[in-house]
């Protein structure tokens, strides 16, 4: 019984670490793509004299 409780804790910890890693990667990608999008919009909207 005690081994099953330990296994559950290990599985929960692994899943939590994986969730946090995926969340961090998504935030970094969102930041990078957002910067690229603003740069693209500023180039498209540039006025030439």
PDB file of N, CA and C in Angstrom:
ATOM      1  N   UNK A   1       0.832  -1.204   0.000  1.00  0.00           N
ATOM      2  CA  UNK A   1       0.000   0.000   0.000  1.00  0.00           C
ATOM      3  C   UNK A   1       0.870   1.259   0.000  1.00  0.00           C
ATOM      4  N   UNK A   2       1.939   1.247   0.799  1.00  0.00           N
ATOM      5  CA  UNK A   2       2.789   2.430   0.877  1.00  0.00           C
ATOM      6  C   UNK A   2       3.512   2.682  -0.437  1.00  0.00           C
ATOM      7  N   UNK A   3       3.900   1.620  -1.146  1.00  0.00           N
ATOM      8  CA  UNK A   3       4.585   1.786  -2.435  1.00  0.00           C
ATOM      9  C   UNK A   3       3.657   2.447  -3.449  1.00  0.00           C
ATOM     10  N   UNK A   4       2.371   2.131  -3.388  1.00  0.00           N
ATOM     11  CA  UNK A   4       1.420   2.743  -4.312  1.00  0.00           C
ATOM     12  C   UNK A   4       1.284   4.241  -4.034  1.00  0.00           C
ATOM     13  N   UNK A   5       1.303   4.633  -2.791  1.00  0.00           N
ATOM     14  CA  UNK A   5       1.231   6.057  -2.457  1.00  0.00           C
ATOM     15  C   UNK A   5       2.476   6.776  -2.950  1.00  0.00           C
ATOM     16  N   UNK A   6       3.636   6.145  -2.834  1.00  0.00           N
ATOM     17  CA  UNK A   6       4.865   6.738  -3.332  1.00  0.00           C
ATOM     18  C   UNK A   6       4.846   6.866  -4.842  1.00  0.00           C
ATOM     19  N   UNK A   7       4.305   5.847  -5.515  1.00  0.00           N
ATOM     20  CA  UNK A   7       4.225   5.886  -6.971  1.00  0.00           C
ATOM     21  C   UNK A   7       3.309   7.015  -7.416  1.00  0.00           C
ATOM     22  N   UNK A   8       2.210   7.195  -6.725  1.00  0.00           N
ATOM     23  CA  UNK A   8       1.281   8.275  -7.068  1.00  0.00           C
ATOM     24  C   UNK A   8       1.948   9.639  -6.909  1.00  0.00           C
ATOM     25  N   UNK A   9       2.718   9.795  -5.843  1.00  0.00           N
ATOM     26  CA  UNK A   9       3.413  11.063  -5.613  1.00  0.00           C
ATOM     27  C   UNK A   9       4.447  11.320  -6.706  1.00  0.00           C
ATOM     28  N   UNK A  10       5.180  10.286  -7.098  1.00  0.00           N
ATOM     29  CA  UNK A  10       6.185  10.440  -8.151  1.00  0.00           C
ATOM     30  C   UNK A  10       5.507  10.788  -9.470  1.00  0.00           C
ATOM     31  N   UNK A  11       4.427  10.098  -9.817  1.00  0.00           N
ATOM     32  CA  UNK A  11       3.712  10.379 -11.057  1.00  0.00           C
ATOM     33  C   UNK A  11       3.133  11.793 -11.052  1.00  0.00           C
ATOM     34  N   UNK A  12       2.602  12.221  -9.943  1.00  0.00           N
ATOM     35  CA  UNK A  12       2.067  13.577  -9.822  1.00  0.00           C
ATOM     36  C   UNK A  12       3.181  14.604 -10.003  1.00  0.00           C
ATOM     37  N   UNK A  13       4.328  14.366  -9.390  1.00  0.00           N
ATOM     38  CA  UNK A  13       5.454  15.294  -9.511  1.00  0.00           C
ATOM     39  C   UNK A  13       5.951  15.375 -10.945  1.00  0.00           C
ATOM     40  N   UNK A  14       6.030  14.225 -11.624  1.00  0.00           N
ATOM     41  CA  UNK A  14       6.475  14.215 -13.016  1.00  0.00           C
ATOM     42  C   UNK A  14       5.492  14.964 -13.900  1.00  0.00           C
ATOM     43  N   UNK A  15       4.211  14.734 -13.708  1.00  0.00           N
ATOM     44  CA  UNK A  15       3.195  15.419 -14.511  1.00  0.00           C
ATOM     45  C   UNK A  15       3.215  16.916 -14.244  1.00  0.00           C
ATOM     46  N   UNK A  16       3.421  17.329 -13.013  1.00  0.00           N
ATOM     47  CA  UNK A  16       3.493  18.747 -12.679  1.00  0.00           C
ATOM     48  C   UNK A  16       4.705  19.397 -13.349  1.00  0.00           C
ATOM     49  N   UNK A  17       5.842  18.714 -13.320  1.00  0.00           N
ATOM     50  CA  UNK A  17       7.042  19.244 -13.971  1.00  0.00           C
ATOM     51  C   UNK A  17       6.832  19.349 -15.484  1.00  0.00           C
ATOM     52  N   UNK A  18       6.200  18.348 -16.092  1.00  0.00           N
ATOM     53  CA  UNK A  18       5.945  18.391 -17.529  1.00  0.00           C
ATOM     54  C   UNK A  18       4.987  19.527 -17.875  1.00  0.00           C
ATOM     55  N   UNK A  19       3.949  19.729 -17.073  1.00  0.00           N
ATOM     56  CA  UNK A  19       2.992  20.805 -17.309  1.00  0.00           C
ATOM     57  C   UNK A  19       3.671  22.168 -17.212  1.00  0.00           C
ATOM     58  N   UNK A  20       4.511  22.342 -16.203  1.00  0.00           N
ATOM     59  CA  UNK A  20       5.212  23.612 -16.048  1.00  0.00           C
ATOM     60  C   UNK A  20       6.187  23.859 -17.206  1.00  0.00           C
ATOM     61  N   UNK A  21       6.843  22.805 -17.680  1.00  0.00           N
ATOM     62  CA  UNK A  21       7.760  22.947 -18.807  1.00  0.00           C
ATOM     63  C   UNK A  21       7.016  23.354 -20.067  1.00  0.00           C
ATOM     64  N   UNK A  22       5.903  22.697 -20.344  1.00  0.00           N
ATOM     65  CA  UNK A  22       5.114  23.024 -21.536  1.00  0.00           C
ATOM     66  C   UNK A  22       4.579  24.450 -21.435  1.00  0.00           C
ATOM     67  N   UNK A  23       4.123  24.849 -20.262  1.00  0.00           N
ATOM     68  CA  UNK A  23       3.617  26.200 -20.064  1.00  0.00           C
ATOM     69  C   UNK A  23       4.715  27.233 -20.292  1.00  0.00           C
ATOM     70  N   UNK A  24       5.897  26.972 -19.783  1.00  0.00           N
ATOM     71  CA  UNK A  24       7.013  27.899 -19.963  1.00  0.00           C
ATOM     72  C   UNK A  24       7.397  28.019 -21.436  1.00  0.00           C
ATOM     73  N   UNK A  25       7.441  26.905 -22.147  1.00  0.00           N
ATOM     74  CA  UNK A  25       7.770  26.933 -23.573  1.00  0.00           C
ATOM     75  C   UNK A  25       6.714  27.715 -24.352  1.00  0.00           C
ATOM     76  N   UNK A  26       5.450  27.523 -24.014  1.00  0.00           N
ATOM     77  CA  UNK A  26       4.383  28.248 -24.707  1.00  0.00           C
ATOM     78  C   UNK A  26       4.482  29.750 -24.453  1.00  0.00           C
ATOM     79  N   UNK A  27       4.814  30.159 -23.249  1.00  0.00           N
ATOM     80  CA  UNK A  27       4.948  31.585 -22.943  1.00  0.00           C
ATOM     81  C   UNK A  27       6.127  32.182 -23.711  1.00  0.00           C
ATOM     82  N   UNK A  28       7.238  31.452 -23.788  1.00  0.00           N
ATOM     83  CA  UNK A  28       8.404  31.948 -24.530  1.00  0.00           C
ATOM     84  C   UNK A  28       8.068  32.067 -26.011  1.00  0.00           C
ATOM     85  N   UNK A  29       7.401  31.065 -26.577  1.00  0.00           N
ATOM     86  CA  UNK A  29       7.027  31.126 -27.985  1.00  0.00           C
ATOM     87  C   UNK A  29       6.044  32.258 -28.250  1.00  0.00           C
ATOM     88  N   UNK A  30       5.082  32.449 -27.361  1.00  0.00           N
ATOM     89  CA  UNK A  30       4.123  33.533 -27.523  1.00  0.00           C
ATOM     90  C   UNK A  30       4.826  34.884 -27.511  1.00  0.00           C
ATOM     91  N   UNK A  31       5.784  35.045 -26.621  1.00  0.00           N
ATOM     92  CA  UNK A  31       6.537  36.298 -26.552  1.00  0.00           C
ATOM     93  C   UNK A  31       7.335  36.523 -27.836  1.00  0.00           C
ATOM     94  N   UNK A  32       8.015  35.497 -28.313  1.00  0.00           N
ATOM     95  CA  UNK A  32       8.834  35.643 -29.516  1.00  0.00           C
ATOM     96  C   UNK A  32       7.964  35.932 -30.736  1.00  0.00           C
ATOM     97  N   UNK A  33       6.870  35.210 -30.880  1.00  0.00           N
ATOM     98  CA  UNK A  33       6.007  35.415 -32.040  1.00  0.00           C
ATOM     99  C   UNK A  33       5.273  36.745 -31.964  1.00  0.00           C
ATOM    100  N   UNK A  34       4.980  37.211 -30.765  1.00  0.00           N
ATOM    101  CA  UNK A  34       4.336  38.505 -30.613  1.00  0.00           C
ATOM    102  C   UNK A  34       5.284  39.624 -31.045  1.00  0.00           C
ATOM    103  N   UNK A  35       6.551  39.525 -30.633  1.00  0.00           N
ATOM    104  CA  UNK A  35       7.548  40.523 -31.059  1.00  0.00           C
ATOM    105  C   UNK A  35       7.697  40.506 -32.575  1.00  0.00           C
ATOM    106  N   UNK A  36       7.743  39.338 -33.172  1.00  0.00           N
ATOM    107  CA  UNK A  36       7.874  39.226 -34.624  1.00  0.00           C
ATOM    108  C   UNK A  36       6.649  39.826 -35.311  1.00  0.00           C
ATOM    109  N   UNK A  37       5.464  39.599 -34.759  1.00  0.00           N
ATOM    110  CA  UNK A  37       4.237  40.140 -35.346  1.00  0.00           C
ATOM    111  C   UNK A  37       4.211  41.652 -35.314  1.00  0.00           C
ATOM    112  N   UNK A  38       4.638  42.254 -34.198  1.00  0.00           N
ATOM    113  CA  UNK A  38       4.671  43.714 -34.113  1.00  0.00           C
ATOM    114  C   UNK A  38       5.684  44.295 -35.086  1.00  0.00           C
ATOM    115  N   UNK A  39       6.812  43.623 -35.240  1.00  0.00           N
ATOM    116  CA  UNK A  39       7.825  44.093 -36.184  1.00  0.00           C
ATOM    117  C   UNK A  39       7.279  44.038 -37.612  1.00  0.00           C
ATOM    118  N   UNK A  40       6.580  42.971 -37.928  1.00  0.00           N
ATOM    119  CA  UNK A  40       5.995  42.829 -39.263  1.00  0.00           C
ATOM    120  C   UNK A  40       4.926  43.883 -39.510  1.00  0.00           C
ATOM    121  N   UNK A  41       4.088  44.142 -38.519  1.00  0.00           N
ATOM    122  CA  UNK A  41       3.053  45.160 -38.674  1.00  0.00           C
ATOM    123  C   UNK A  41       3.648  46.556 -38.837  1.00  0.00           C
ATOM    124  N   UNK A  42       4.714  46.835 -38.127  1.00  0.00           N
ATOM    125  CA  UNK A  42       5.336  48.151 -38.272  1.00  0.00           C
ATOM    126  C   UNK A  42       5.970  48.308 -39.648  1.00  0.00           C
ATOM    127  N   UNK A  43       6.522  47.245 -40.209  1.00  0.00           N
ATOM    128  CA  UNK A  43       7.094  47.333 -41.557  1.00  0.00           C
ATOM    129  C   UNK A  43       6.015  47.501 -42.610  1.00  0.00           C
ATOM    130  N   UNK A  44       4.899  46.792 -42.445  1.00  0.00           N
ATOM    131  CA  UNK A  44       3.816  46.896 -43.427  1.00  0.00           C
ATOM    132  C   UNK A  44       3.168  48.268 -43.357  1.00  0.00           C
ATOM    133  N   UNK A  45       3.052  48.820 -42.161  1.00  0.00           N
ATOM    134  CA  UNK A  45       2.387  50.109 -42.002  1.00  0.00           C
ATOM    135  C   UNK A  45       3.286  51.314 -42.173  1.00  0.00           C
ATOM    136  N   UNK A  46       4.530  51.084 -42.575  1.00  0.00           N
ATOM    137  CA  UNK A  46       5.468  52.195 -42.732  1.00  0.00           C
ATOM    138  C   UNK A  46       5.064  53.107 -43.898  1.00  0.00           C
ATOM    139  N   UNK A  47       5.057  54.398 -43.664  1.00  0.00           N
ATOM    140  CA  UNK A  47       4.709  55.372 -44.703  1.00  0.00           C
ATOM    141  C   UNK A  47       5.970  55.827 -45.417  1.00  0.00           C
ATOM    142  N   UNK A  48       5.910  55.805 -46.714  1.00  0.00           N
ATOM    143  CA  UNK A  48       7.018  56.324 -47.509  1.00  0.00           C
ATOM    144  C   UNK A  48       6.647  57.712 -48.015  1.00  0.00           C
ATOM    145  N   UNK A  49       7.582  58.638 -47.991  1.00  0.00           N
ATOM    146  CA  UNK A  49       7.256  59.995 -48.438  1.00  0.00           C
ATOM    147  C   UNK A  49       7.079  60.095 -49.941  1.00  0.00           C
TER     148      UNK A  49
END
